[in-house]
Amino acid sequence: MRPPDSAPFRFAVVILAAGASSRMGRPKMLLPWNETTVLGHLIAQWQQTDARQITVVCAANDVGINNELDRIGFAREQRIINPDASRGMFSSIQVAARWPGWNATLTHWAIALGDQPHLANATLRAASEFAAQQLDKIFQPSRNGRPRHPVFLPRRIFETLANSTHHTLKEFLGTYASEVRLTEVNDPGLDFDLDTPADFEEARARFITQ
């Protein structure tokens, strides 16, 4: 069942946590962040928004991620399993698009990278508010004119991901270039990539509030 065309903005979050973290040398999602882990912090941030459903995409048999989700009390029913995460990030997004567990009233989905704990809470709230003003369009926050994550997709576009033949999200979004709307957000975290141990130490020094 789909929501009526006049349905208000109701969004879900897809947190991508199935990556191998090869450049980090250990699982990014399990690194310490504030009083919890990177993954715990991300979930807590999205819980402070108006998200109607929050999910985490995990690699099959990832004991560490599942143990952490158990520790923080994240429901098993909201975990989406990618059976072949080695195919990359886009495969996790497609698995999420095919997942049958979505709330039928949802109108939009936010695709959130699993390695952005350094974004401000205000950035996530602002992104969802801006997306609500662009109901039939793809929305992305931007920094210095460059599109960033999270990406908000309306239902009609999110559902096409399931059978897309593209190889990356960037390639997929390129086919909808005329429907992408950007809003500049003043958050230096949008410029930062959390890939290596040095990146992690820099991020903790720059973005964790003492």
C-alpha atoms as a PDB file:
ATOM      1  CA  MET A   1       0.000   0.000   0.000  1.00  0.00           C
ATOM      2  CA  ARG A   2       1.294   3.433  -0.935  1.00  0.00           C
ATOM      3  CA  PRO A   3       0.508   6.705   0.795  1.00  0.00           C
ATOM      4  CA  PRO A   4      -1.869   9.021  -1.093  1.00  0.00           C
ATOM      5  CA  ASP A   5      -0.305  11.672  -3.327  1.00  0.00           C
ATOM      6  CA  SER A   6      -1.204  14.327  -0.772  1.00  0.00           C
ATOM      7  CA  ALA A   7       0.507  12.475   2.108  1.00  0.00           C
ATOM      8  CA  PRO A   8       2.706  14.661   4.302  1.00  0.00           C
ATOM      9  CA  PHE A   9       6.452  14.177   4.553  1.00  0.00           C
ATOM     10  CA  ARG A  10       7.259  10.931   6.368  1.00  0.00           C
ATOM     11  CA  PHE A  11      10.801   9.701   5.986  1.00  0.00           C
ATOM     12  CA  ALA A  12      12.880   6.669   6.870  1.00  0.00           C
ATOM     13  CA  VAL A  13      16.642   6.426   7.270  1.00  0.00           C
ATOM     14  CA  VAL A  14      18.949   3.842   5.712  1.00  0.00           C
ATOM     15  CA  ILE A  15      22.275   3.810   7.605  1.00  0.00           C
ATOM     16  CA  LEU A  16      24.915   2.067   5.496  1.00  0.00           C
ATOM     17  CA  ALA A  17      27.071  -0.060   7.815  1.00  0.00           C
ATOM     18  CA  ALA A  18      28.139  -2.981   5.628  1.00  0.00           C
ATOM     19  CA  GLY A  19      31.488  -1.602   4.451  1.00  0.00           C
ATOM     20  CA  ALA A  20      34.774  -3.436   4.959  1.00  0.00           C
ATOM     21  CA  SER A  21      36.629  -0.408   6.448  1.00  0.00           C
ATOM     22  CA  SER A  22      39.779  -1.622   4.669  1.00  0.00           C
ATOM     23  CA  ARG A  23      41.614   1.716   4.818  1.00  0.00           C
ATOM     24  CA  MET A  24      40.774   2.163   8.503  1.00  0.00           C
ATOM     25  CA  GLY A  25      42.133  -1.261   9.391  1.00  0.00           C
ATOM     26  CA  ARG A  26      39.283  -1.955  11.824  1.00  0.00           C
ATOM     27  CA  PRO A  27      35.497  -1.554  11.654  1.00  0.00           C
ATOM     28  CA  LYS A  28      34.642   2.151  11.475  1.00  0.00           C
ATOM     29  CA  MET A  29      31.186   1.624  12.924  1.00  0.00           C
ATOM     30  CA  LEU A  30      32.640   0.215  16.148  1.00  0.00           C
ATOM     31  CA  LEU A  31      35.147   2.985  16.803  1.00  0.00           C
ATOM     32  CA  PRO A  32      34.491   5.008  19.970  1.00  0.00           C
ATOM     33  CA  TRP A  33      32.567   8.262  19.575  1.00  0.00           C
ATOM     34  CA  ASN A  34      31.458  10.342  22.554  1.00  0.00           C
ATOM     35  CA  GLU A  35      29.924   7.949  25.091  1.00  0.00           C
ATOM     36  CA  THR A  36      29.190   5.224  22.523  1.00  0.00           C
ATOM     37  CA  THR A  37      30.407   4.064  19.108  1.00  0.00           C
ATOM     38  CA  VAL A  38      30.210   5.664  15.679  1.00  0.00           C
ATOM     39  CA  LEU A  39      27.185   3.487  14.898  1.00  0.00           C
ATOM     40  CA  GLY A  40      25.506   4.169  18.233  1.00  0.00           C
ATOM     41  CA  HIS A  41      26.036   7.896  17.774  1.00  0.00           C
ATOM     42  CA  LEU A  42      24.559   7.883  14.256  1.00  0.00           C
ATOM     43  CA  ILE A  43      21.438   6.061  15.382  1.00  0.00           C
ATOM     44  CA  ALA A  44      21.015   8.421  18.326  1.00  0.00           C
ATOM     45  CA  GLN A  45      21.366  11.441  16.031  1.00  0.00           C
ATOM     46  CA  TRP A  46      18.665  10.245  13.653  1.00  0.00           C
ATOM     47  CA  GLN A  47      16.413   9.401  16.581  1.00  0.00           C
ATOM     48  CA  GLN A  48      16.450  13.106  17.404  1.00  0.00           C
ATOM     49  CA  THR A  49      14.919  13.939  14.018  1.00  0.00           C
ATOM     50  CA  ASP A  50      11.373  13.233  12.838  1.00  0.00           C
ATOM     51  CA  ALA A  51      12.366   9.963  11.154  1.00  0.00           C
ATOM     52  CA  ARG A  52       9.491   7.462  11.207  1.00  0.00           C
ATOM     53  CA  GLN A  53      11.737   4.430  10.695  1.00  0.00           C
ATOM     54  CA  ILE A  54      15.493   3.906  11.128  1.00  0.00           C
ATOM     55  CA  THR A  55      17.264   0.909   9.628  1.00  0.00           C
ATOM     56  CA  VAL A  56      20.853  -0.294   9.455  1.00  0.00           C
ATOM     57  CA  VAL A  57      22.233  -2.236   6.497  1.00  0.00           C
ATOM     58  CA  CYS A  58      24.712  -4.860   7.741  1.00  0.00           C
ATOM     59  CA  ALA A  59      26.946  -7.363   6.000  1.00  0.00           C
ATOM     60  CA  ALA A  60      25.852 -10.968   6.386  1.00  0.00           C
ATOM     61  CA  ASN A  61      27.335 -12.625   9.478  1.00  0.00           C
ATOM     62  CA  ASP A  62      28.865  -9.407  10.815  1.00  0.00           C
ATOM     63  CA  VAL A  63      29.001 -10.433  14.457  1.00  0.00           C
ATOM     64  CA  GLY A  64      30.609  -7.195  15.637  1.00  0.00           C
ATOM     65  CA  ILE A  65      27.931  -4.930  14.179  1.00  0.00           C
ATOM     66  CA  ASN A  66      25.115  -7.144  15.403  1.00  0.00           C
ATOM     67  CA  ASN A  67      26.586  -7.323  18.896  1.00  0.00           C
ATOM     68  CA  GLU A  68      26.819  -3.527  18.979  1.00  0.00           C
ATOM     69  CA  LEU A  69      23.240  -3.154  17.778  1.00  0.00           C
ATOM     70  CA  ASP A  70      22.164  -5.599  20.486  1.00  0.00           C
ATOM     71  CA  ARG A  71      24.109  -3.612  23.069  1.00  0.00           C
ATOM     72  CA  ILE A  72      22.335  -0.360  22.243  1.00  0.00           C
ATOM     73  CA  GLY A  73      18.945  -2.052  21.979  1.00  0.00           C
ATOM     74  CA  PHE A  74      18.431  -1.604  18.242  1.00  0.00           C
ATOM     75  CA  ALA A  75      15.643  -3.890  17.068  1.00  0.00           C
ATOM     76  CA  ARG A  76      16.632  -6.889  14.977  1.00  0.00           C
ATOM     77  CA  GLU A  77      13.554  -6.286  12.833  1.00  0.00           C
ATOM     78  CA  GLN A  78      15.119  -3.025  11.596  1.00  0.00           C
ATOM     79  CA  ARG A  79      18.367  -4.605  10.422  1.00  0.00           C
ATOM     80  CA  ILE A  80      18.698  -5.164   6.680  1.00  0.00           C
ATOM     81  CA  ILE A  81      21.167  -7.855   5.643  1.00  0.00           C
ATOM     82  CA  ASN A  82      23.308  -7.448   2.538  1.00  0.00           C
ATOM     83  CA  PRO A  83      24.236 -11.020   1.529  1.00  0.00           C
ATOM     84  CA  ASP A  84      27.132  -9.840  -0.657  1.00  0.00           C
ATOM     85  CA  ALA A  85      28.470  -6.578   0.765  1.00  0.00           C
ATOM     86  CA  SER A  86      31.714  -7.052  -1.180  1.00  0.00           C
ATOM     87  CA  ARG A  87      29.851  -5.658  -4.210  1.00  0.00           C
ATOM     88  CA  GLY A  88      30.063  -2.212  -2.622  1.00  0.00           C
ATOM     89  CA  MET A  89      27.901   0.536  -1.184  1.00  0.00           C
ATOM     90  CA  PHE A  90      25.388   0.635  -4.019  1.00  0.00           C
ATOM     91  CA  SER A  91      24.550  -3.018  -3.423  1.00  0.00           C
ATOM     92  CA  SER A  92      23.554  -2.124   0.159  1.00  0.00           C
ATOM     93  CA  ILE A  93      21.314   0.659  -1.115  1.00  0.00           C
ATOM     94  CA  GLN A  94      19.655  -1.714  -3.562  1.00  0.00           C
ATOM     95  CA  VAL A  95      19.131  -4.356  -0.864  1.00  0.00           C
ATOM     96  CA  ALA A  96      17.418  -1.653   1.209  1.00  0.00           C
ATOM     97  CA  ALA A  97      15.197  -0.676  -1.731  1.00  0.00           C
ATOM     98  CA  ARG A  98      14.085  -4.311  -2.090  1.00  0.00           C
ATOM     99  CA  TRP A  99      13.498  -4.824   1.631  1.00  0.00           C
ATOM    100  CA  PRO A 100       9.862  -5.694   2.465  1.00  0.00           C
ATOM    101  CA  GLY A 101       9.860  -4.240   5.975  1.00  0.00           C
ATOM    102  CA  TRP A 102       9.188  -0.584   5.201  1.00  0.00           C
ATOM    103  CA  ASN A 103       6.341   1.259   6.848  1.00  0.00           C
ATOM    104  CA  ALA A 104       3.603   1.686   4.234  1.00  0.00           C
ATOM    105  CA  THR A 105       3.043   5.361   5.126  1.00  0.00           C
ATOM    106  CA  LEU A 106       6.567   6.488   4.208  1.00  0.00           C
ATOM    107  CA  THR A 107       6.996   9.110   1.490  1.00  0.00           C
ATOM    108  CA  HIS A 108      10.811   9.527   1.491  1.00  0.00           C
ATOM    109  CA  TRP A 109      14.057   7.753   2.353  1.00  0.00           C
ATOM    110  CA  ALA A 110      17.325   9.280   3.604  1.00  0.00           C
ATOM    111  CA  ILE A 111      20.445   7.398   2.511  1.00  0.00           C
ATOM    112  CA  ALA A 112      23.002   8.044   5.267  1.00  0.00           C
ATOM    113  CA  LEU A 113      26.667   7.119   5.156  1.00  0.00           C
ATOM    114  CA  GLY A 114      27.824   5.074   8.109  1.00  0.00           C
ATOM    115  CA  ASP A 115      31.020   7.065   8.555  1.00  0.00           C
ATOM    116  CA  GLN A 116      29.680  10.577   9.206  1.00  0.00           C
ATOM    117  CA  PRO A 117      29.353  10.822  13.002  1.00  0.00           C
ATOM    118  CA  HIS A 118      31.025  14.214  12.734  1.00  0.00           C
ATOM    119  CA  LEU A 119      28.000  15.897  11.124  1.00  0.00           C
ATOM    120  CA  ALA A 120      26.184  18.264  13.467  1.00  0.00           C
ATOM    121  CA  ASN A 121      22.774  17.250  14.780  1.00  0.00           C
ATOM    122  CA  ALA A 122      21.488  20.534  13.353  1.00  0.00           C
ATOM    123  CA  THR A 123      22.669  19.479   9.888  1.00  0.00           C
ATOM    124  CA  LEU A 124      20.551  16.326   9.902  1.00  0.00           C
ATOM    125  CA  ARG A 125      17.520  18.208  11.168  1.00  0.00           C
ATOM    126  CA  ALA A 126      18.009  20.963   8.583  1.00  0.00           C
ATOM    127  CA  ALA A 127      18.426  18.404   5.810  1.00  0.00           C
ATOM    128  CA  SER A 128      15.126  16.727   6.649  1.00  0.00           C
ATOM    129  CA  GLU A 129      13.387  20.102   6.880  1.00  0.00           C
ATOM    130  CA  PHE A 130      14.736  21.181   3.495  1.00  0.00           C
ATOM    131  CA  ALA A 131      13.736  17.838   1.961  1.00  0.00           C
ATOM    132  CA  ALA A 132      10.193  18.361   3.244  1.00  0.00           C
ATOM    133  CA  GLN A 133      10.039  21.521   1.137  1.00  0.00           C
ATOM    134  CA  GLN A 134      11.010  19.611  -2.040  1.00  0.00           C
ATOM    135  CA  LEU A 135       8.480  16.799  -1.784  1.00  0.00           C
ATOM    136  CA  ASP A 136       8.740  15.437  -5.321  1.00  0.00           C
ATOM    137  CA  LYS A 137      12.479  16.007  -5.775  1.00  0.00           C
ATOM    138  CA  ILE A 138      15.758  14.467  -4.676  1.00  0.00           C
ATOM    139  CA  PHE A 139      17.369  16.565  -1.972  1.00  0.00           C
ATOM    140  CA  GLN A 140      21.011  16.825  -0.899  1.00  0.00           C
ATOM    141  CA  PRO A 141      22.782  19.269   1.405  1.00  0.00           C
ATOM    142  CA  SER A 142      25.717  20.952  -0.296  1.00  0.00           C
ATOM    143  CA  ARG A 143      28.984  22.473   0.842  1.00  0.00           C
ATOM    144  CA  ASN A 144      30.764  24.994  -1.372  1.00  0.00           C
ATOM    145  CA  GLY A 145      28.360  24.023  -4.131  1.00  0.00           C
ATOM    146  CA  ARG A 146      29.168  20.300  -4.006  1.00  0.00           C
ATOM    147  CA  PRO A 147      26.403  17.781  -3.225  1.00  0.00           C
ATOM    148  CA  ARG A 148      26.850  15.818  -0.011  1.00  0.00           C
ATOM    149  CA  HIS A 149      25.118  13.160   2.066  1.00  0.00           C
ATOM    150  CA  PRO A 150      22.565  12.313   3.347  1.00  0.00           C
ATOM    151  CA  VAL A 151      20.519  12.006   0.161  1.00  0.00           C
ATOM    152  CA  PHE A 152      16.708  12.189   0.464  1.00  0.00           C
ATOM    153  CA  LEU A 153      14.742  10.307  -2.184  1.00  0.00           C
ATOM    154  CA  PRO A 154      10.964  10.427  -2.751  1.00  0.00           C
ATOM    155  CA  ARG A 155       9.211   7.069  -2.941  1.00  0.00           C
ATOM    156  CA  ARG A 156       8.833   7.030  -6.738  1.00  0.00           C
ATOM    157  CA  ILE A 157      12.625   7.320  -7.150  1.00  0.00           C
ATOM    158  CA  PHE A 158      13.673   5.181  -4.183  1.00  0.00           C
ATOM    159  CA  GLU A 159      11.661   2.261  -5.544  1.00  0.00           C
ATOM    160  CA  THR A 160      13.485   2.365  -8.895  1.00  0.00           C
ATOM    161  CA  LEU A 161      16.759   1.615  -7.097  1.00  0.00           C
ATOM    162  CA  ALA A 162      15.704  -1.996  -6.613  1.00  0.00           C
ATOM    163  CA  ASN A 163      16.179  -2.900 -10.273  1.00  0.00           C
ATOM    164  CA  SER A 164      18.686  -0.259 -11.311  1.00  0.00           C
ATOM    165  CA  THR A 165      21.576  -1.396 -13.510  1.00  0.00           C
ATOM    166  CA  HIS A 166      23.841   1.417 -12.334  1.00  0.00           C
ATOM    167  CA  HIS A 167      26.995   0.703 -10.367  1.00  0.00           C
ATOM    168  CA  THR A 168      27.106   3.642  -7.955  1.00  0.00           C
ATOM    169  CA  LEU A 169      24.688   6.010  -6.289  1.00  0.00           C
ATOM    170  CA  LYS A 170      26.380   8.924  -8.042  1.00  0.00           C
ATOM    171  CA  GLU A 171      25.764   7.282 -11.407  1.00  0.00           C
ATOM    172  CA  PHE A 172      22.141   6.586 -10.461  1.00  0.00           C
ATOM    173  CA  LEU A 173      21.558  10.170  -9.353  1.00  0.00           C
ATOM    174  CA  GLY A 174      23.073  11.387 -12.608  1.00  0.00           C
ATOM    175  CA  THR A 175      20.054  10.041 -14.472  1.00  0.00           C
ATOM    176  CA  TYR A 176      17.847  12.285 -12.317  1.00  0.00           C
ATOM    177  CA  ALA A 177      20.077  15.364 -12.470  1.00  0.00           C
ATOM    178  CA  SER A 178      17.200  17.688 -13.337  1.00  0.00           C
ATOM    179  CA  GLU A 179      15.339  16.546 -10.222  1.00  0.00           C
ATOM    180  CA  VAL A 180      18.112  17.090  -7.689  1.00  0.00           C
ATOM    181  CA  ARG A 181      17.780  20.075  -5.366  1.00  0.00           C
ATOM    182  CA  LEU A 182      20.692  21.325  -3.274  1.00  0.00           C
ATOM    183  CA  THR A 183      20.764  23.608  -0.244  1.00  0.00           C
ATOM    184  CA  GLU A 184      24.035  25.021   1.064  1.00  0.00           C
ATOM    185  CA  VAL A 185      24.680  23.989   4.672  1.00  0.00           C
ATOM    186  CA  ASN A 186      27.446  25.550   6.740  1.00  0.00           C
ATOM    187  CA  ASP A 187      28.830  22.414   8.361  1.00  0.00           C
ATOM    188  CA  PRO A 188      32.574  21.759   7.824  1.00  0.00           C
ATOM    189  CA  GLY A 189      31.908  18.106   8.569  1.00  0.00           C
ATOM    190  CA  LEU A 190      30.343  17.815   5.113  1.00  0.00           C
ATOM    191  CA  ASP A 191      33.831  18.285   3.654  1.00  0.00           C
ATOM    192  CA  PHE A 192      35.415  15.595   5.798  1.00  0.00           C
ATOM    193  CA  ASP A 193      35.954  11.913   4.942  1.00  0.00           C
ATOM    194  CA  LEU A 194      36.506   9.377   7.695  1.00  0.00           C
ATOM    195  CA  ASP A 195      38.661   6.776   5.919  1.00  0.00           C
ATOM    196  CA  THR A 196      41.960   6.289   7.746  1.00  0.00           C
ATOM    197  CA  PRO A 197      43.195   6.172  11.371  1.00  0.00           C
ATOM    198  CA  ALA A 198      44.610   9.673  10.885  1.00  0.00           C
ATOM    199  CA  ASP A 199      41.204  10.886   9.677  1.00  0.00           C
ATOM    200  CA  PHE A 200      39.580   9.399  12.769  1.00  0.00           C
ATOM    201  CA  GLU A 201      41.955  11.141  15.156  1.00  0.00           C
ATOM    202  CA  GLU A 202      41.485  14.433  13.319  1.00  0.00           C
ATOM    203  CA  ALA A 203      37.714  14.038  13.381  1.00  0.00           C
ATOM    204  CA  ARG A 204      37.683  13.390  17.121  1.00  0.00           C
ATOM    205  CA  ALA A 205      39.852  16.467  17.699  1.00  0.00           C
ATOM    206  CA  ARG A 206      37.740  18.714  15.443  1.00  0.00           C
ATOM    207  CA  PHE A 207      34.184  17.552  15.906  1.00  0.00           C
ATOM    208  CA  ILE A 208      33.656  15.910  19.276  1.00  0.00           C
ATOM    209  CA  THR A 209      32.300  18.388  21.773  1.00  0.00           C
ATOM    210  CA  GLN A 210      34.190  18.113  25.026  1.00  0.00           C
END
